[in-house]
């Protein structure tokens, strides 16, 4: 599990977007950080756990590359 240290003004969706490039995994990031679940806008310096997300197979790839 990776760590991310917040900067002032970070939100759950902003953190997830910075790490994964979209907000698709926001629920997994929040679940990995239950003790911070009530924070909506983070102050600087909070360490957030970033869970490993398995790579997804793309339907646009040919079968031998999936």
PDB file of N, CA and C in Angstrom:
ATOM      1  N   UNK A   1       0.843  -1.170   0.000  1.00  0.00           N
ATOM      2  CA  UNK A   1       0.000   0.000   0.000  1.00  0.00           C
ATOM      3  C   UNK A   1       0.889   1.234   0.000  1.00  0.00           C
ATOM      4  N   UNK A   2       0.605   2.138  -0.907  1.00  0.00           N
ATOM      5  CA  UNK A   2       1.354   3.392  -1.001  1.00  0.00           C
ATOM      6  C   UNK A   2       0.791   4.409  -0.030  1.00  0.00           C
ATOM      7  N   UNK A   3       1.529   5.464   0.172  1.00  0.00           N
ATOM      8  CA  UNK A   3       1.103   6.564   1.033  1.00  0.00           C
ATOM      9  C   UNK A   3       1.038   7.839   0.207  1.00  0.00           C
ATOM     10  N   UNK A   4       0.135   8.726   0.582  1.00  0.00           N
ATOM     11  CA  UNK A   4       0.024  10.042  -0.018  1.00  0.00           C
ATOM     12  C   UNK A   4      -0.091  11.033   1.126  1.00  0.00           C
ATOM     13  N   UNK A   5       0.680  12.095   1.098  1.00  0.00           N
ATOM     14  CA  UNK A   5       0.597  13.132   2.120  1.00  0.00           C
ATOM     15  C   UNK A   5      -0.196  14.297   1.550  1.00  0.00           C
ATOM     16  N   UNK A   6      -1.251  14.663   2.246  1.00  0.00           N
ATOM     17  CA  UNK A   6      -2.156  15.693   1.740  1.00  0.00           C
ATOM     18  C   UNK A   6      -1.505  17.068   1.731  1.00  0.00           C
ATOM     19  N   UNK A   7      -2.014  17.896   0.832  1.00  0.00           N
ATOM     20  CA  UNK A   7      -1.704  19.319   0.847  1.00  0.00           C
ATOM     21  C   UNK A   7      -2.987  20.032   1.242  1.00  0.00           C
ATOM     22  N   UNK A   8      -2.872  21.204   1.775  1.00  0.00           N
ATOM     23  CA  UNK A   8      -4.043  21.941   2.247  1.00  0.00           C
ATOM     24  C   UNK A   8      -5.068  22.100   1.120  1.00  0.00           C
ATOM     25  N   UNK A   9      -6.305  21.731   1.391  1.00  0.00           N
ATOM     26  CA  UNK A   9      -7.378  21.854   0.407  1.00  0.00           C
ATOM     27  C   UNK A   9      -7.690  20.583  -0.354  1.00  0.00           C
ATOM     28  N   UNK A  10      -6.881  19.536  -0.178  1.00  0.00           N
ATOM     29  CA  UNK A  10      -7.174  18.260  -0.833  1.00  0.00           C
ATOM     30  C   UNK A  10      -8.537  17.736  -0.401  1.00  0.00           C
ATOM     31  N   UNK A  11      -9.223  17.065  -1.315  1.00  0.00           N
ATOM     32  CA  UNK A  11     -10.481  16.379  -1.022  1.00  0.00           C
ATOM     33  C   UNK A  11     -10.330  14.934  -1.499  1.00  0.00           C
ATOM     34  N   UNK A  12     -11.256  14.080  -1.097  1.00  0.00           N
ATOM     35  CA  UNK A  12     -11.177  12.665  -1.490  1.00  0.00           C
ATOM     36  C   UNK A  12     -11.123  12.507  -3.009  1.00  0.00           C
ATOM     37  N   UNK A  13     -11.976  13.218  -3.710  1.00  0.00           N
ATOM     38  CA  UNK A  13     -12.000  13.063  -5.164  1.00  0.00           C
ATOM     39  C   UNK A  13     -10.737  13.629  -5.807  1.00  0.00           C
ATOM     40  N   UNK A  14     -10.205  14.710  -5.283  1.00  0.00           N
ATOM     41  CA  UNK A  14      -8.975  15.289  -5.836  1.00  0.00           C
ATOM     42  C   UNK A  14      -7.786  14.350  -5.621  1.00  0.00           C
ATOM     43  N   UNK A  15      -7.706  13.752  -4.455  1.00  0.00           N
ATOM     44  CA  UNK A  15      -6.621  12.809  -4.166  1.00  0.00           C
ATOM     45  C   UNK A  15      -6.710  11.605  -5.103  1.00  0.00           C
ATOM     46  N   UNK A  16      -7.909  11.053  -5.234  1.00  0.00           N
ATOM     47  CA  UNK A  16      -8.102   9.886  -6.104  1.00  0.00           C
ATOM     48  C   UNK A  16      -7.761  10.226  -7.555  1.00  0.00           C
ATOM     49  N   UNK A  17      -8.152  11.405  -8.003  1.00  0.00           N
ATOM     50  CA  UNK A  17      -7.848  11.827  -9.370  1.00  0.00           C
ATOM     51  C   UNK A  17      -6.344  11.988  -9.573  1.00  0.00           C
ATOM     52  N   UNK A  18      -5.650  12.575  -8.597  1.00  0.00           N
ATOM     53  CA  UNK A  18      -4.190  12.746  -8.700  1.00  0.00           C
ATOM     54  C   UNK A  18      -3.476  11.399  -8.826  1.00  0.00           C
ATOM     55  N   UNK A  19      -3.933  10.414  -8.066  1.00  0.00           N
ATOM     56  CA  UNK A  19      -3.258   9.117  -8.030  1.00  0.00           C
ATOM     57  C   UNK A  19      -3.621   8.238  -9.228  1.00  0.00           C
ATOM     58  N   UNK A  20      -4.909   8.146  -9.559  1.00  0.00           N
ATOM     59  CA  UNK A  20      -5.377   7.196 -10.574  1.00  0.00           C
ATOM     60  C   UNK A  20      -5.801   7.825 -11.903  1.00  0.00           C
ATOM     61  N   UNK A  21      -5.903   9.157 -11.956  1.00  0.00           N
ATOM     62  CA  UNK A  21      -6.306   9.808 -13.199  1.00  0.00           C
ATOM     63  C   UNK A  21      -7.804   9.889 -13.390  1.00  0.00           C
ATOM     64  N   UNK A  22      -8.573   9.389 -12.433  1.00  0.00           N
ATOM     65  CA  UNK A  22     -10.034   9.514 -12.430  1.00  0.00           C
ATOM     66  C   UNK A  22     -10.520   9.261 -11.004  1.00  0.00           C
ATOM     67  N   UNK A  23     -11.810   9.409 -10.788  1.00  0.00           N
ATOM     68  CA  UNK A  23     -12.373   9.252  -9.437  1.00  0.00           C
ATOM     69  C   UNK A  23     -13.042   7.896  -9.243  1.00  0.00           C
ATOM     70  N   UNK A  24     -12.799   6.984 -10.139  1.00  0.00           N
ATOM     71  CA  UNK A  24     -13.457   5.674 -10.125  1.00  0.00           C
ATOM     72  C   UNK A  24     -13.221   4.889  -8.830  1.00  0.00           C
ATOM     73  N   UNK A  25     -12.066   5.076  -8.200  1.00  0.00           N
ATOM     74  CA  UNK A  25     -11.702   4.284  -7.023  1.00  0.00           C
ATOM     75  C   UNK A  25     -11.819   5.049  -5.711  1.00  0.00           C
ATOM     76  N   UNK A  26     -12.594   6.121  -5.702  1.00  0.00           N
ATOM     77  CA  UNK A  26     -12.718   6.934  -4.499  1.00  0.00           C
ATOM     78  C   UNK A  26     -13.210   6.109  -3.305  1.00  0.00           C
ATOM     79  N   UNK A  27     -14.131   5.174  -3.547  1.00  0.00           N
ATOM     80  CA  UNK A  27     -14.647   4.345  -2.452  1.00  0.00           C
ATOM     81  C   UNK A  27     -13.560   3.469  -1.840  1.00  0.00           C
ATOM     82  N   UNK A  28     -12.662   2.955  -2.663  1.00  0.00           N
ATOM     83  CA  UNK A  28     -11.570   2.117  -2.157  1.00  0.00           C
ATOM     84  C   UNK A  28     -10.558   2.944  -1.355  1.00  0.00           C
ATOM     85  N   UNK A  29     -10.284   4.153  -1.806  1.00  0.00           N
ATOM     86  CA  UNK A  29      -9.367   5.037  -1.078  1.00  0.00           C
ATOM     87  C   UNK A  29      -9.983   5.419   0.269  1.00  0.00           C
ATOM     88  N   UNK A  30     -11.258   5.720   0.276  1.00  0.00           N
ATOM     89  CA  UNK A  30     -11.929   6.084   1.525  1.00  0.00           C
ATOM     90  C   UNK A  30     -11.978   4.893   2.488  1.00  0.00           C
ATOM     91  N   UNK A  31     -12.255   3.705   1.984  1.00  0.00           N
ATOM     92  CA  UNK A  31     -12.301   2.508   2.832  1.00  0.00           C
ATOM     93  C   UNK A  31     -10.939   2.191   3.442  1.00  0.00           C
ATOM     94  N   UNK A  32      -9.870   2.528   2.737  1.00  0.00           N
ATOM     95  CA  UNK A  32      -8.519   2.273   3.244  1.00  0.00           C
ATOM     96  C   UNK A  32      -8.111   3.303   4.304  1.00  0.00           C
ATOM     97  N   UNK A  33      -8.953   4.317   4.515  1.00  0.00           N
ATOM     98  CA  UNK A  33      -8.630   5.406   5.439  1.00  0.00           C
ATOM     99  C   UNK A  33      -9.821   5.753   6.328  1.00  0.00           C
ATOM    100  N   UNK A  34     -10.417   4.747   6.913  1.00  0.00           N
ATOM    101  CA  UNK A  34     -11.632   4.919   7.720  1.00  0.00           C
ATOM    102  C   UNK A  34     -11.456   5.963   8.823  1.00  0.00           C
ATOM    103  N   UNK A  35     -10.272   6.051   9.419  1.00  0.00           N
ATOM    104  CA  UNK A  35     -10.101   6.999  10.524  1.00  0.00           C
ATOM    105  C   UNK A  35     -10.184   8.462  10.064  1.00  0.00           C
ATOM    106  N   UNK A  36     -10.073   8.721   8.760  1.00  0.00           N
ATOM    107  CA  UNK A  36     -10.168  10.080   8.226  1.00  0.00           C
ATOM    108  C   UNK A  36     -11.482  10.306   7.469  1.00  0.00           C
ATOM    109  N   UNK A  37     -12.410   9.382   7.587  1.00  0.00           N
ATOM    110  CA  UNK A  37     -13.621   9.397   6.761  1.00  0.00           C
ATOM    111  C   UNK A  37     -14.467  10.666   6.951  1.00  0.00           C
ATOM    112  N   UNK A  38     -14.393  11.297   8.099  1.00  0.00           N
ATOM    113  CA  UNK A  38     -15.198  12.499   8.368  1.00  0.00           C
ATOM    114  C   UNK A  38     -14.549  13.792   7.903  1.00  0.00           C
ATOM    115  N   UNK A  39     -13.367  13.703   7.311  1.00  0.00           N
ATOM    116  CA  UNK A  39     -12.701  14.899   6.787  1.00  0.00           C
ATOM    117  C   UNK A  39     -13.151  15.099   5.345  1.00  0.00           C
ATOM    118  N   UNK A  40     -13.634  16.295   5.041  1.00  0.00           N
ATOM    119  CA  UNK A  40     -14.067  16.595   3.676  1.00  0.00           C
ATOM    120  C   UNK A  40     -13.002  17.376   2.920  1.00  0.00           C
ATOM    121  N   UNK A  41     -12.388  18.360   3.600  1.00  0.00           N
ATOM    122  CA  UNK A  41     -11.292  19.138   3.034  1.00  0.00           C
ATOM    123  C   UNK A  41     -10.109  18.957   3.978  1.00  0.00           C
ATOM    124  N   UNK A  42      -9.046  18.369   3.457  1.00  0.00           N
ATOM    125  CA  UNK A  42      -7.902  18.007   4.289  1.00  0.00           C
ATOM    126  C   UNK A  42      -6.974  19.189   4.558  1.00  0.00           C
ATOM    127  N   UNK A  43      -6.405  19.226   5.756  1.00  0.00           N
ATOM    128  CA  UNK A  43      -5.291  20.144   6.005  1.00  0.00           C
ATOM    129  C   UNK A  43      -4.019  19.501   5.434  1.00  0.00           C
ATOM    130  N   UNK A  44      -2.935  20.222   5.425  1.00  0.00           N
ATOM    131  CA  UNK A  44      -1.666  19.682   4.934  1.00  0.00           C
ATOM    132  C   UNK A  44      -1.089  18.684   5.939  1.00  0.00           C
ATOM    133  N   UNK A  45      -0.411  17.669   5.420  1.00  0.00           N
ATOM    134  CA  UNK A  45       0.362  16.767   6.253  1.00  0.00           C
ATOM    135  C   UNK A  45      -0.318  15.520   6.750  1.00  0.00           C
ATOM    136  N   UNK A  46      -1.534  15.207   6.305  1.00  0.00           N
ATOM    137  CA  UNK A  46      -2.213  13.976   6.706  1.00  0.00           C
ATOM    138  C   UNK A  46      -1.743  12.864   5.770  1.00  0.00           C
ATOM    139  N   UNK A  47      -1.323  11.739   6.330  1.00  0.00           N
ATOM    140  CA  UNK A  47      -0.880  10.607   5.521  1.00  0.00           C
ATOM    141  C   UNK A  47      -2.069   9.720   5.183  1.00  0.00           C
ATOM    142  N   UNK A  48      -2.303   9.528   3.897  1.00  0.00           N
ATOM    143  CA  UNK A  48      -3.423   8.745   3.387  1.00  0.00           C
ATOM    144  C   UNK A  48      -2.877   7.456   2.776  1.00  0.00           C
ATOM    145  N   UNK A  49      -3.511   6.338   3.084  1.00  0.00           N
ATOM    146  CA  UNK A  49      -3.154   5.053   2.467  1.00  0.00           C
ATOM    147  C   UNK A  49      -3.795   4.965   1.084  1.00  0.00           C
ATOM    148  N   UNK A  50      -3.007   4.576   0.107  1.00  0.00           N
ATOM    149  CA  UNK A  50      -3.506   4.398  -1.256  1.00  0.00           C
ATOM    150  C   UNK A  50      -3.457   2.904  -1.569  1.00  0.00           C
ATOM    151  N   UNK A  51      -4.634   2.258  -1.689  1.00  0.00           N
ATOM    152  CA  UNK A  51      -4.657   0.818  -1.933  1.00  0.00           C
ATOM    153  C   UNK A  51      -4.206   0.476  -3.356  1.00  0.00           C
ATOM    154  N   UNK A  52      -3.675  -0.721  -3.508  1.00  0.00           N
ATOM    155  CA  UNK A  52      -3.305  -1.204  -4.838  1.00  0.00           C
ATOM    156  C   UNK A  52      -4.583  -1.568  -5.584  1.00  0.00           C
ATOM    157  N   UNK A  53      -4.678  -1.123  -6.799  1.00  0.00           N
ATOM    158  CA  UNK A  53      -5.840  -1.405  -7.638  1.00  0.00           C
ATOM    159  C   UNK A  53      -5.386  -2.340  -8.753  1.00  0.00           C
ATOM    160  N   UNK A  54      -6.033  -3.508  -8.898  1.00  0.00           N
ATOM    161  CA  UNK A  54      -5.620  -4.425  -9.967  1.00  0.00           C
ATOM    162  C   UNK A  54      -5.870  -3.816 -11.352  1.00  0.00           C
ATOM    163  N   UNK A  55      -4.970  -4.101 -12.256  1.00  0.00           N
ATOM    164  CA  UNK A  55      -5.115  -3.611 -13.630  1.00  0.00           C
ATOM    165  C   UNK A  55      -6.339  -4.252 -14.266  1.00  0.00           C
ATOM    166  N   UNK A  56      -7.058  -3.464 -15.036  1.00  0.00           N
ATOM    167  CA  UNK A  56      -8.259  -3.963 -15.707  1.00  0.00           C
ATOM    168  C   UNK A  56      -7.950  -4.271 -17.165  1.00  0.00           C
ATOM    169  N   UNK A  57      -8.554  -5.321 -17.665  1.00  0.00           N
ATOM    170  CA  UNK A  57      -8.416  -5.651 -19.075  1.00  0.00           C
ATOM    171  C   UNK A  57      -9.320  -4.726 -19.880  1.00  0.00           C
ATOM    172  N   UNK A  58      -8.804  -4.235 -20.958  1.00  0.00           N
ATOM    173  CA  UNK A  58      -9.573  -3.340 -21.811  1.00  0.00           C
ATOM    174  C   UNK A  58     -10.277  -4.144 -22.901  1.00  0.00           C
ATOM    175  N   UNK A  59     -11.538  -3.826 -23.147  1.00  0.00           N
ATOM    176  CA  UNK A  59     -12.291  -4.506 -24.200  1.00  0.00           C
ATOM    177  C   UNK A  59     -11.802  -4.104 -25.581  1.00  0.00           C
ATOM    178  N   UNK A  60     -11.072  -2.989 -25.655  1.00  0.00           N
ATOM    179  CA  UNK A  60     -10.606  -2.542 -26.959  1.00  0.00           C
ATOM    180  C   UNK A  60      -9.322  -3.259 -27.391  1.00  0.00           C
ATOM    181  N   UNK A  61      -8.694  -3.990 -26.474  1.00  0.00           N
ATOM    182  CA  UNK A  61      -7.498  -4.746 -26.820  1.00  0.00           C
ATOM    183  C   UNK A  61      -7.876  -6.075 -27.459  1.00  0.00           C
ATOM    184  N   UNK A  62      -7.039  -6.543 -28.370  1.00  0.00           N
ATOM    185  CA  UNK A  62      -7.301  -7.872 -28.933  1.00  0.00           C
ATOM    186  C   UNK A  62      -7.146  -8.938 -27.857  1.00  0.00           C
ATOM    187  N   UNK A  63      -7.793 -10.096 -27.981  1.00  0.00           N
ATOM    188  CA  UNK A  63      -7.792 -11.119 -26.940  1.00  0.00           C
ATOM    189  C   UNK A  63      -6.397 -11.542 -26.478  1.00  0.00           C
ATOM    190  N   UNK A  64      -5.420 -11.575 -27.366  1.00  0.00           N
ATOM    191  CA  UNK A  64      -4.077 -12.025 -26.981  1.00  0.00           C
ATOM    192  C   UNK A  64      -3.323 -11.003 -26.141  1.00  0.00           C
ATOM    193  N   UNK A  65      -3.846  -9.770 -26.028  1.00  0.00           N
ATOM    194  CA  UNK A  65      -3.205  -8.749 -25.207  1.00  0.00           C
ATOM    195  C   UNK A  65      -3.945  -8.490 -23.899  1.00  0.00           C
ATOM    196  N   UNK A  66      -5.073  -9.130 -23.692  1.00  0.00           N
ATOM    197  CA  UNK A  66      -5.857  -8.917 -22.478  1.00  0.00           C
ATOM    198  C   UNK A  66      -5.273  -9.644 -21.310  1.00  0.00           C
TER     199      UNK A  66
END
